[in-house]
Amino acid sequence: MYAIFQNGGHQHKAVPQEVVILQKLDAEVGEQVSFDEVLMVHSNGDVQVGTPHVAGAQVTGTVVQQGRGRKIRVFKYKPKRNYKRQYGHRQSFTAVRIDEIKA
């Protein structure tokens, strides 16, 4: 059984007991979170596709970790203009373990 849900403008595949990396959520570690924007549910060969969401479907999970990803380096350069800028960025994330999928 798995489901496709939407969070923060991205679509994620949810499989029970697996960890999904999402954009930062305002939740503490160990707190329950639920997602109502379920786009598709697959269970026992039966597929339910929403238009745009599956009615009554919900994905619930537990926050495992709040963290920040790897640093990426951004370098801007314009030739013949003596313009060079370098800075870094670390994206915040939330790791959620999927507990159950209700369809």
PDB file of N, CA and C in Angstrom:
ATOM      1  N   MET A   1       0.852  -1.179   0.000  1.00  0.00           N
ATOM      2  CA  MET A   1       0.000   0.000   0.000  1.00  0.00           C
ATOM      3  C   MET A   1       0.892   1.234   0.000  1.00  0.00           C
ATOM      4  N   TYR A   2       0.535   2.188  -0.841  1.00  0.00           N
ATOM      5  CA  TYR A   2       1.239   3.469  -0.832  1.00  0.00           C
ATOM      6  C   TYR A   2       0.282   4.560  -1.282  1.00  0.00           C
ATOM      7  N   ALA A   3       0.718   5.804  -1.043  1.00  0.00           N
ATOM      8  CA  ALA A   3      -0.092   6.961  -1.424  1.00  0.00           C
ATOM      9  C   ALA A   3       0.822   8.053  -1.933  1.00  0.00           C
ATOM     10  N   ILE A   4       0.276   8.896  -2.788  1.00  0.00           N
ATOM     11  CA  ILE A   4       0.973  10.091  -3.258  1.00  0.00           C
ATOM     12  C   ILE A   4       0.247  11.277  -2.636  1.00  0.00           C
ATOM     13  N   PHE A   5       1.005  12.098  -1.882  1.00  0.00           N
ATOM     14  CA  PHE A   5       0.394  13.273  -1.263  1.00  0.00           C
ATOM     15  C   PHE A   5       1.191  14.516  -1.602  1.00  0.00           C
ATOM     16  N   GLN A   6       0.565  15.653  -1.392  1.00  0.00           N
ATOM     17  CA  GLN A   6       1.156  16.936  -1.748  1.00  0.00           C
ATOM     18  C   GLN A   6       1.436  17.730  -0.483  1.00  0.00           C
ATOM     19  N   ASN A   7       2.639  18.329  -0.427  1.00  0.00           N
ATOM     20  CA  ASN A   7       3.015  19.157   0.709  1.00  0.00           C
ATOM     21  C   ASN A   7       4.026  20.194   0.249  1.00  0.00           C
ATOM     22  N   GLY A   8       3.721  21.445   0.490  1.00  0.00           N
ATOM     23  CA  GLY A   8       4.656  22.509   0.139  1.00  0.00           C
ATOM     24  C   GLY A   8       4.915  22.627  -1.349  1.00  0.00           C
ATOM     25  N   GLY A   9       3.929  22.298  -2.182  1.00  0.00           N
ATOM     26  CA  GLY A   9       4.110  22.409  -3.618  1.00  0.00           C
ATOM     27  C   GLY A   9       4.837  21.229  -4.241  1.00  0.00           C
ATOM     28  N   HIS A  10       5.191  20.210  -3.445  1.00  0.00           N
ATOM     29  CA  HIS A  10       5.871  19.025  -3.951  1.00  0.00           C
ATOM     30  C   HIS A  10       5.001  17.799  -3.704  1.00  0.00           C
ATOM     31  N   GLN A  11       5.196  16.787  -4.536  1.00  0.00           N
ATOM     32  CA  GLN A  11       4.470  15.531  -4.366  1.00  0.00           C
ATOM     33  C   GLN A  11       5.431  14.486  -3.821  1.00  0.00           C
ATOM     34  N   HIS A  12       4.957  13.702  -2.840  1.00  0.00           N
ATOM     35  CA  HIS A  12       5.790  12.706  -2.182  1.00  0.00           C
ATOM     36  C   HIS A  12       5.075  11.362  -2.165  1.00  0.00           C
ATOM     37  N   LYS A  13       5.860  10.290  -2.232  1.00  0.00           N
ATOM     38  CA  LYS A  13       5.309   8.935  -2.141  1.00  0.00           C
ATOM     39  C   LYS A  13       5.409   8.486  -0.691  1.00  0.00           C
ATOM     40  N   ALA A  14       4.281   8.062  -0.120  1.00  0.00           N
ATOM     41  CA  ALA A  14       4.230   7.637   1.271  1.00  0.00           C
ATOM     42  C   ALA A  14       4.009   6.134   1.336  1.00  0.00           C
ATOM     43  N   VAL A  15       4.943   5.436   1.965  1.00  0.00           N
ATOM     44  CA  VAL A  15       4.839   4.005   2.220  1.00  0.00           C
ATOM     45  C   VAL A  15       4.923   3.835   3.732  1.00  0.00           C
ATOM     46  N   PRO A  16       4.018   3.058   4.354  1.00  0.00           N
ATOM     47  CA  PRO A  16       4.056   2.908   5.814  1.00  0.00           C
ATOM     48  C   PRO A  16       5.430   2.445   6.318  1.00  0.00           C
ATOM     49  N   GLN A  17       5.851   3.025   7.436  1.00  0.00           N
ATOM     50  CA  GLN A  17       7.111   2.742   8.132  1.00  0.00           C
ATOM     51  C   GLN A  17       8.347   3.208   7.374  1.00  0.00           C
ATOM     52  N   GLU A  18       8.203   4.078   6.368  1.00  0.00           N
ATOM     53  CA  GLU A  18       9.360   4.663   5.702  1.00  0.00           C
ATOM     54  C   GLU A  18       9.438   6.143   6.059  1.00  0.00           C
ATOM     55  N   VAL A  19      10.637   6.707   5.949  1.00  0.00           N
ATOM     56  CA  VAL A  19      10.877   8.105   6.300  1.00  0.00           C
ATOM     57  C   VAL A  19      10.867   8.947   5.028  1.00  0.00           C
ATOM     58  N   VAL A  20      10.129  10.063   5.072  1.00  0.00           N
ATOM     59  CA  VAL A  20      10.016  10.985   3.944  1.00  0.00           C
ATOM     60  C   VAL A  20      10.625  12.321   4.369  1.00  0.00           C
ATOM     61  N   ILE A  21      11.444  12.910   3.504  1.00  0.00           N
ATOM     62  CA  ILE A  21      12.058  14.208   3.768  1.00  0.00           C
ATOM     63  C   ILE A  21      11.175  15.277   3.135  1.00  0.00           C
ATOM     64  N   LEU A  22      10.655  16.196   3.963  1.00  0.00           N
ATOM     65  CA  LEU A  22       9.755  17.250   3.510  1.00  0.00           C
ATOM     66  C   LEU A  22      10.365  18.617   3.768  1.00  0.00           C
ATOM     67  N   GLN A  23       9.745  19.644   3.190  1.00  0.00           N
ATOM     68  CA  GLN A  23      10.137  21.001   3.544  1.00  0.00           C
ATOM     69  C   GLN A  23       9.792  21.239   5.002  1.00  0.00           C
ATOM     70  N   LYS A  24      10.441  22.213   5.615  1.00  0.00           N
ATOM     71  CA  LYS A  24      10.302  22.440   7.049  1.00  0.00           C
ATOM     72  C   LYS A  24       8.849  22.639   7.468  1.00  0.00           C
ATOM     73  N   LEU A  25       8.449  21.873   8.495  1.00  0.00           N
ATOM     74  CA  LEU A  25       7.131  21.991   9.098  1.00  0.00           C
ATOM     75  C   LEU A  25       7.282  22.550  10.510  1.00  0.00           C
ATOM     76  N   ASP A  26       6.282  23.278  10.991  1.00  0.00           N
ATOM     77  CA  ASP A  26       6.304  23.792  12.358  1.00  0.00           C
ATOM     78  C   ASP A  26       5.770  22.719  13.295  1.00  0.00           C
ATOM     79  N   ALA A  27       6.610  21.749  13.623  1.00  0.00           N
ATOM     80  CA  ALA A  27       6.228  20.659  14.513  1.00  0.00           C
ATOM     81  C   ALA A  27       7.470  20.199  15.278  1.00  0.00           C
ATOM     82  N   GLU A  28       7.256  19.764  16.496  1.00  0.00           N
ATOM     83  CA  GLU A  28       8.346  19.277  17.328  1.00  0.00           C
ATOM     84  C   GLU A  28       8.645  17.815  16.999  1.00  0.00           C
ATOM     85  N   VAL A  29       9.843  17.354  17.369  1.00  0.00           N
ATOM     86  CA  VAL A  29      10.207  15.959  17.178  1.00  0.00           C
ATOM     87  C   VAL A  29       9.304  15.095  18.055  1.00  0.00           C
ATOM     88  N   GLY A  30       8.725  14.050  17.467  1.00  0.00           N
ATOM     89  CA  GLY A  30       7.814  13.167  18.176  1.00  0.00           C
ATOM     90  C   GLY A  30       6.348  13.539  18.026  1.00  0.00           C
ATOM     91  N   GLU A  31       6.069  14.664  17.407  1.00  0.00           N
ATOM     92  CA  GLU A  31       4.694  15.132  17.238  1.00  0.00           C
ATOM     93  C   GLU A  31       4.055  14.470  16.019  1.00  0.00           C
ATOM     94  N   GLN A  32       2.757  14.225  16.089  1.00  0.00           N
ATOM     95  CA  GLN A  32       1.995  13.642  14.986  1.00  0.00           C
ATOM     96  C   GLN A  32       1.623  14.733  13.983  1.00  0.00           C
ATOM     97  N   VAL A  33       1.758  14.435  12.698  1.00  0.00           N
ATOM     98  CA  VAL A  33       1.333  15.345  11.641  1.00  0.00           C
ATOM     99  C   VAL A  33       0.460  14.558  10.668  1.00  0.00           C
ATOM    100  N   SER A  34      -0.464  15.260  10.021  1.00  0.00           N
ATOM    101  CA  SER A  34      -1.331  14.597   9.047  1.00  0.00           C
ATOM    102  C   SER A  34      -1.415  15.450   7.787  1.00  0.00           C
ATOM    103  N   PHE A  35      -1.594  14.765   6.665  1.00  0.00           N
ATOM    104  CA  PHE A  35      -1.659  15.415   5.360  1.00  0.00           C
ATOM    105  C   PHE A  35      -2.967  15.001   4.699  1.00  0.00           C
ATOM    106  N   ASP A  36      -3.791  15.993   4.332  1.00  0.00           N
ATOM    107  CA  ASP A  36      -5.104  15.732   3.760  1.00  0.00           C
ATOM    108  C   ASP A  36      -5.123  15.810   2.235  1.00  0.00           C
ATOM    109  N   GLU A  37      -4.101  16.396   1.634  1.00  0.00           N
ATOM    110  CA  GLU A  37      -4.064  16.554   0.184  1.00  0.00           C
ATOM    111  C   GLU A  37      -3.477  15.301  -0.468  1.00  0.00           C
ATOM    112  N   VAL A  38      -4.233  14.202  -0.414  1.00  0.00           N
ATOM    113  CA  VAL A  38      -3.805  12.927  -0.981  1.00  0.00           C
ATOM    114  C   VAL A  38      -4.288  12.873  -2.428  1.00  0.00           C
ATOM    115  N   LEU A  39      -3.349  12.669  -3.350  1.00  0.00           N
ATOM    116  CA  LEU A  39      -3.666  12.678  -4.775  1.00  0.00           C
ATOM    117  C   LEU A  39      -4.005  11.293  -5.317  1.00  0.00           C
ATOM    118  N   MET A  40      -3.382  10.229  -4.726  1.00  0.00           N
ATOM    119  CA  MET A  40      -3.606   8.874  -5.207  1.00  0.00           C
ATOM    120  C   MET A  40      -3.350   7.882  -4.085  1.00  0.00           C
ATOM    121  N   VAL A  41      -4.138   6.809  -4.065  1.00  0.00           N
ATOM    122  CA  VAL A  41      -3.945   5.738  -3.092  1.00  0.00           C
ATOM    123  C   VAL A  41      -3.954   4.407  -3.840  1.00  0.00           C
ATOM    124  N   HIS A  42      -2.948   3.579  -3.575  1.00  0.00           N
ATOM    125  CA  HIS A  42      -2.854   2.247  -4.180  1.00  0.00           C
ATOM    126  C   HIS A  42      -2.853   1.226  -3.052  1.00  0.00           C
ATOM    127  N   SER A  43      -3.827   0.299  -3.084  1.00  0.00           N
ATOM    128  CA  SER A  43      -3.846  -0.751  -2.080  1.00  0.00           C
ATOM    129  C   SER A  43      -4.449  -2.018  -2.661  1.00  0.00           C
ATOM    130  N   ASN A  44      -3.706  -3.106  -2.532  1.00  0.00           N
ATOM    131  CA  ASN A  44      -4.146  -4.424  -2.997  1.00  0.00           C
ATOM    132  C   ASN A  44      -4.592  -4.423  -4.468  1.00  0.00           C
ATOM    133  N   GLY A  45      -3.849  -3.747  -5.311  1.00  0.00           N
ATOM    134  CA  GLY A  45      -4.166  -3.712  -6.731  1.00  0.00           C
ATOM    135  C   GLY A  45      -5.261  -2.732  -7.110  1.00  0.00           C
ATOM    136  N   ASP A  46      -5.877  -2.089  -6.124  1.00  0.00           N
ATOM    137  CA  ASP A  46      -6.936  -1.110  -6.376  1.00  0.00           C
ATOM    138  C   ASP A  46      -6.332   0.285  -6.322  1.00  0.00           C
ATOM    139  N   VAL A  47      -6.568   1.095  -7.339  1.00  0.00           N
ATOM    140  CA  VAL A  47      -6.012   2.441  -7.413  1.00  0.00           C
ATOM    141  C   VAL A  47      -7.142   3.453  -7.366  1.00  0.00           C
ATOM    142  N   GLN A  48      -7.026   4.415  -6.438  1.00  0.00           N
ATOM    143  CA  GLN A  48      -7.983   5.521  -6.359  1.00  0.00           C
ATOM    144  C   GLN A  48      -7.239   6.799  -6.717  1.00  0.00           C
ATOM    145  N   VAL A  49      -7.712   7.473  -7.737  1.00  0.00           N
ATOM    146  CA  VAL A  49      -7.101   8.723  -8.180  1.00  0.00           C
ATOM    147  C   VAL A  49      -8.088   9.846  -7.916  1.00  0.00           C
ATOM    148  N   GLY A  50      -7.631  10.893  -7.265  1.00  0.00           N
ATOM    149  CA  GLY A  50      -8.499  12.006  -6.924  1.00  0.00           C
ATOM    150  C   GLY A  50      -8.616  13.015  -8.041  1.00  0.00           C
ATOM    151  N   THR A  51      -9.639  13.860  -7.929  1.00  0.00           N
ATOM    152  CA  THR A  51      -9.829  14.946  -8.890  1.00  0.00           C
ATOM    153  C   THR A  51     -10.065  16.249  -8.151  1.00  0.00           C
ATOM    154  N   PRO A  52      -9.144  16.955  -7.612  1.00  0.00           N
ATOM    155  CA  PRO A  52      -7.715  16.662  -7.566  1.00  0.00           C
ATOM    156  C   PRO A  52      -7.302  15.822  -6.359  1.00  0.00           C
ATOM    157  N   HIS A  53      -8.147  15.720  -5.302  1.00  0.00           N
ATOM    158  CA  HIS A  53      -7.778  14.960  -4.105  1.00  0.00           C
ATOM    159  C   HIS A  53      -8.743  13.801  -3.902  1.00  0.00           C
ATOM    160  N   VAL A  54      -8.239  12.741  -3.250  1.00  0.00           N
ATOM    161  CA  VAL A  54      -9.073  11.592  -2.918  1.00  0.00           C
ATOM    162  C   VAL A  54      -9.904  11.971  -1.696  1.00  0.00           C
ATOM    163  N   ALA A  55     -11.220  11.845  -1.798  1.00  0.00           N
ATOM    164  CA  ALA A  55     -12.115  12.235  -0.709  1.00  0.00           C
ATOM    165  C   ALA A  55     -11.939  11.292   0.483  1.00  0.00           C
ATOM    166  N   GLY A  56     -11.722  11.863   1.663  1.00  0.00           N
ATOM    167  CA  GLY A  56     -11.612  11.090   2.893  1.00  0.00           C
ATOM    168  C   GLY A  56     -10.269  10.440   3.128  1.00  0.00           C
ATOM    169  N   ALA A  57      -9.318  10.590   2.227  1.00  0.00           N
ATOM    170  CA  ALA A  57      -8.000   9.979   2.398  1.00  0.00           C
ATOM    171  C   ALA A  57      -7.103  10.878   3.241  1.00  0.00           C
ATOM    172  N   GLN A  58      -6.239  10.234   4.026  1.00  0.00           N
ATOM    173  CA  GLN A  58      -5.353  10.990   4.913  1.00  0.00           C
ATOM    174  C   GLN A  58      -4.093  10.178   5.160  1.00  0.00           C
ATOM    175  N   VAL A  59      -2.955  10.863   5.216  1.00  0.00           N
ATOM    176  CA  VAL A  59      -1.668  10.249   5.538  1.00  0.00           C
ATOM    177  C   VAL A  59      -1.221  10.838   6.861  1.00  0.00           C
ATOM    178  N   THR A  60      -0.900   9.982   7.836  1.00  0.00           N
ATOM    179  CA  THR A  60      -0.434  10.452   9.140  1.00  0.00           C
ATOM    180  C   THR A  60       0.972   9.937   9.385  1.00  0.00           C
ATOM    181  N   GLY A  61       1.742  10.725  10.113  1.00  0.00           N
ATOM    182  CA  GLY A  61       3.117  10.349  10.406  1.00  0.00           C
ATOM    183  C   GLY A  61       3.625  11.031  11.653  1.00  0.00           C
ATOM    184  N   THR A  62       4.841  10.658  12.051  1.00  0.00           N
ATOM    185  CA  THR A  62       5.488  11.195  13.236  1.00  0.00           C
ATOM    186  C   THR A  62       6.767  11.902  12.818  1.00  0.00           C
ATOM    187  N   VAL A  63       6.994  13.090  13.364  1.00  0.00           N
ATOM    188  CA  VAL A  63       8.208  13.841  13.060  1.00  0.00           C
ATOM    189  C   VAL A  63       9.387  13.146  13.738  1.00  0.00           C
ATOM    190  N   VAL A  64      10.393  12.793  12.930  1.00  0.00           N
ATOM    191  CA  VAL A  64      11.565  12.091  13.427  1.00  0.00           C
ATOM    192  C   VAL A  64      12.724  13.054  13.662  1.00  0.00           C
ATOM    193  N   GLN A  65      12.867  14.042  12.756  1.00  0.00           N
ATOM    194  CA  GLN A  65      14.036  14.923  12.826  1.00  0.00           C
ATOM    195  C   GLN A  65      13.715  16.269  12.193  1.00  0.00           C
ATOM    196  N   GLN A  66      14.270  17.316  12.776  1.00  0.00           N
ATOM    197  CA  GLN A  66      14.289  18.653  12.176  1.00  0.00           C
ATOM    198  C   GLN A  66      15.757  18.944  11.885  1.00  0.00           C
ATOM    199  N   GLY A  67      16.082  19.307  10.667  1.00  0.00           N
ATOM    200  CA  GLY A  67      17.493  19.518  10.350  1.00  0.00           C
ATOM    201  C   GLY A  67      17.683  20.459   9.184  1.00  0.00           C
ATOM    202  N   ARG A  68      18.945  20.524   8.766  1.00  0.00           N
ATOM    203  CA  ARG A  68      19.308  21.341   7.615  1.00  0.00           C
ATOM    204  C   ARG A  68      20.157  20.509   6.683  1.00  0.00           C
ATOM    205  N   GLY A  69      19.962  20.695   5.391  1.00  0.00           N
ATOM    206  CA  GLY A  69      20.665  19.914   4.380  1.00  0.00           C
ATOM    207  C   GLY A  69      22.090  20.394   4.166  1.00  0.00           C
ATOM    208  N   ARG A  70      22.740  19.818   3.152  1.00  0.00           N
ATOM    209  CA  ARG A  70      24.100  20.200   2.793  1.00  0.00           C
ATOM    210  C   ARG A  70      24.146  21.650   2.337  1.00  0.00           C
ATOM    211  N   LYS A  71      25.283  22.267   2.530  1.00  0.00           N
ATOM    212  CA  LYS A  71      25.465  23.627   2.034  1.00  0.00           C
ATOM    213  C   LYS A  71      25.764  23.593   0.546  1.00  0.00           C
ATOM    214  N   ILE A  72      25.071  24.457  -0.185  1.00  0.00           N
ATOM    215  CA  ILE A  72      25.385  24.616  -1.599  1.00  0.00           C
ATOM    216  C   ILE A  72      26.055  25.977  -1.765  1.00  0.00           C
ATOM    217  N   ARG A  73      26.982  26.055  -2.675  1.00  0.00           N
ATOM    218  CA  ARG A  73      27.696  27.290  -2.966  1.00  0.00           C
ATOM    219  C   ARG A  73      27.079  27.943  -4.194  1.00  0.00           C
ATOM    220  N   VAL A  74      26.787  29.225  -4.095  1.00  0.00           N
ATOM    221  CA  VAL A  74      26.237  29.990  -5.211  1.00  0.00           C
ATOM    222  C   VAL A  74      27.282  31.018  -5.599  1.00  0.00           C
ATOM    223  N   PHE A  75      27.655  31.032  -6.871  1.00  0.00           N
ATOM    224  CA  PHE A  75      28.677  31.945  -7.357  1.00  0.00           C
ATOM    225  C   PHE A  75      28.116  32.714  -8.542  1.00  0.00           C
ATOM    226  N   LYS A  76      28.083  34.029  -8.416  1.00  0.00           N
ATOM    227  CA  LYS A  76      27.624  34.889  -9.503  1.00  0.00           C
ATOM    228  C   LYS A  76      28.836  35.576 -10.114  1.00  0.00           C
ATOM    229  N   TYR A  77      28.844  35.685 -11.428  1.00  0.00           N
ATOM    230  CA  TYR A  77      29.992  36.231 -12.132  1.00  0.00           C
ATOM    231  C   TYR A  77      29.534  36.890 -13.418  1.00  0.00           C
ATOM    232  N   LYS A  78      30.004  38.093 -13.638  1.00  0.00           N
ATOM    233  CA  LYS A  78      29.735  38.782 -14.895  1.00  0.00           C
ATOM    234  C   LYS A  78      31.084  39.143 -15.526  1.00  0.00           C
ATOM    235  N   PRO A  79      31.342  38.599 -16.701  1.00  0.00           N
ATOM    236  CA  PRO A  79      32.643  38.853 -17.312  1.00  0.00           C
ATOM    237  C   PRO A  79      32.811  40.321 -17.721  1.00  0.00           C
ATOM    238  N   LYS A  80      34.053  40.797 -17.628  1.00  0.00           N
ATOM    239  CA  LYS A  80      34.456  42.147 -18.051  1.00  0.00           C
ATOM    240  C   LYS A  80      33.791  43.237 -17.216  1.00  0.00           C
ATOM    241  N   ARG A  81      33.193  42.909 -16.071  1.00  0.00           N
ATOM    242  CA  ARG A  81      32.512  43.912 -15.248  1.00  0.00           C
ATOM    243  C   ARG A  81      33.074  43.958 -13.831  1.00  0.00           C
ATOM    244  N   ASN A  82      34.063  43.095 -13.512  1.00  0.00           N
ATOM    245  CA  ASN A  82      34.661  43.009 -12.179  1.00  0.00           C
ATOM    246  C   ASN A  82      33.584  42.741 -11.112  1.00  0.00           C
ATOM    247  N   TYR A  83      32.676  41.823 -11.429  1.00  0.00           N
ATOM    248  CA  TYR A  83      31.582  41.489 -10.521  1.00  0.00           C
ATOM    249  C   TYR A  83      31.661  40.009 -10.176  1.00  0.00           C
ATOM    250  N   LYS A  84      31.904  39.703  -8.899  1.00  0.00           N
ATOM    251  CA  LYS A  84      31.959  38.328  -8.417  1.00  0.00           C
ATOM    252  C   LYS A  84      31.321  38.293  -7.043  1.00  0.00           C
ATOM    253  N   ARG A  85      30.385  37.386  -6.833  1.00  0.00           N
ATOM    254  CA  ARG A  85      29.741  37.217  -5.534  1.00  0.00           C
ATOM    255  C   ARG A  85      29.630  35.736  -5.238  1.00  0.00           C
ATOM    256  N   GLN A  86      29.932  35.361  -4.005  1.00  0.00           N
ATOM    257  CA  GLN A  86      29.815  33.972  -3.595  1.00  0.00           C
ATOM    258  C   GLN A  86      29.121  33.923  -2.239  1.00  0.00           C
ATOM    259  N   TYR A  87      28.131  33.048  -2.149  1.00  0.00           N
ATOM    260  CA  TYR A  87      27.473  32.840  -0.857  1.00  0.00           C
ATOM    261  C   TYR A  87      26.977  31.403  -0.793  1.00  0.00           C
ATOM    262  N   GLY A  88      26.583  30.976   0.390  1.00  0.00           N
ATOM    263  CA  GLY A  88      26.116  29.607   0.582  1.00  0.00           C
ATOM    264  C   GLY A  88      24.689  29.593   1.083  1.00  0.00           C
ATOM    265  N   HIS A  89      24.059  28.418   0.989  1.00  0.00           N
ATOM    266  CA  HIS A  89      22.673  28.265   1.435  1.00  0.00           C
ATOM    267  C   HIS A  89      22.477  26.848   1.952  1.00  0.00           C
ATOM    268  N   ARG A  90      21.768  26.716   3.087  1.00  0.00           N
ATOM    269  CA  ARG A  90      21.392  25.406   3.627  1.00  0.00           C
ATOM    270  C   ARG A  90      19.880  25.386   3.790  1.00  0.00           C
ATOM    271  N   GLN A  91      19.232  24.422   3.132  1.00  0.00           N
ATOM    272  CA  GLN A  91      17.776  24.322   3.171  1.00  0.00           C
ATOM    273  C   GLN A  91      17.344  23.530   4.405  1.00  0.00           C
ATOM    274  N   SER A  92      16.370  24.050   5.140  1.00  0.00           N
ATOM    275  CA  SER A  92      15.828  23.339   6.298  1.00  0.00           C
ATOM    276  C   SER A  92      14.876  22.240   5.839  1.00  0.00           C
ATOM    277  N   PHE A  93      14.827  21.133   6.604  1.00  0.00           N
ATOM    278  CA  PHE A  93      13.935  20.031   6.250  1.00  0.00           C
ATOM    279  C   PHE A  93      13.338  19.419   7.506  1.00  0.00           C
ATOM    280  N   THR A  94      12.294  18.619   7.301  1.00  0.00           N
ATOM    281  CA  THR A  94      11.663  17.840   8.353  1.00  0.00           C
ATOM    282  C   THR A  94      11.571  16.403   7.874  1.00  0.00           C
ATOM    283  N   ALA A  95      12.062  15.462   8.677  1.00  0.00           N
ATOM    284  CA  ALA A  95      11.967  14.045   8.351  1.00  0.00           C
ATOM    285  C   ALA A  95      10.753  13.473   9.080  1.00  0.00           C
ATOM    286  N   VAL A  96       9.838  12.835   8.335  1.00  0.00           N
ATOM    287  CA  VAL A  96       8.599  12.300   8.890  1.00  0.00           C
ATOM    288  C   VAL A  96       8.524  10.804   8.588  1.00  0.00           C
ATOM    289  N   ARG A  97       8.291   9.980   9.628  1.00  0.00           N
ATOM    290  CA  ARG A  97       8.056   8.548   9.427  1.00  0.00           C
ATOM    291  C   ARG A  97       6.556   8.338   9.236  1.00  0.00           C
ATOM    292  N   ILE A  98       6.178   7.715   8.143  1.00  0.00           N
ATOM    293  CA  ILE A  98       4.767   7.498   7.819  1.00  0.00           C
ATOM    294  C   ILE A  98       4.216   6.369   8.698  1.00  0.00           C
ATOM    295  N   ASP A  99       3.154   6.656   9.449  1.00  0.00           N
ATOM    296  CA  ASP A  99       2.563   5.656  10.327  1.00  0.00           C
ATOM    297  C   ASP A  99       1.442   4.893   9.653  1.00  0.00           C
ATOM    298  N   GLU A 100       0.484   5.610   9.047  1.00  0.00           N
ATOM    299  CA  GLU A 100      -0.612   4.922   8.386  1.00  0.00           C
ATOM    300  C   GLU A 100      -1.219   5.761   7.267  1.00  0.00           C
ATOM    301  N   ILE A 101      -1.885   5.050   6.380  1.00  0.00           N
ATOM    302  CA  ILE A 101      -2.590   5.685   5.261  1.00  0.00           C
ATOM    303  C   ILE A 101      -4.044   5.284   5.359  1.00  0.00           C
ATOM    304  N   LYS A 102      -4.915   6.283   5.493  1.00  0.00           N
ATOM    305  CA  LYS A 102      -6.360   6.026   5.561  1.00  0.00           C
ATOM    306  C   LYS A 102      -6.958   6.374   4.205  1.00  0.00           C
ATOM    307  N   ALA A 103      -7.706   5.440   3.643  1.00  0.00           N
ATOM    308  CA  ALA A 103      -8.305   5.689   2.343  1.00  0.00           C
ATOM    309  C   ALA A 103      -9.808   5.529   2.412  1.00  0.00           C
TER     310      ALA A 103
END
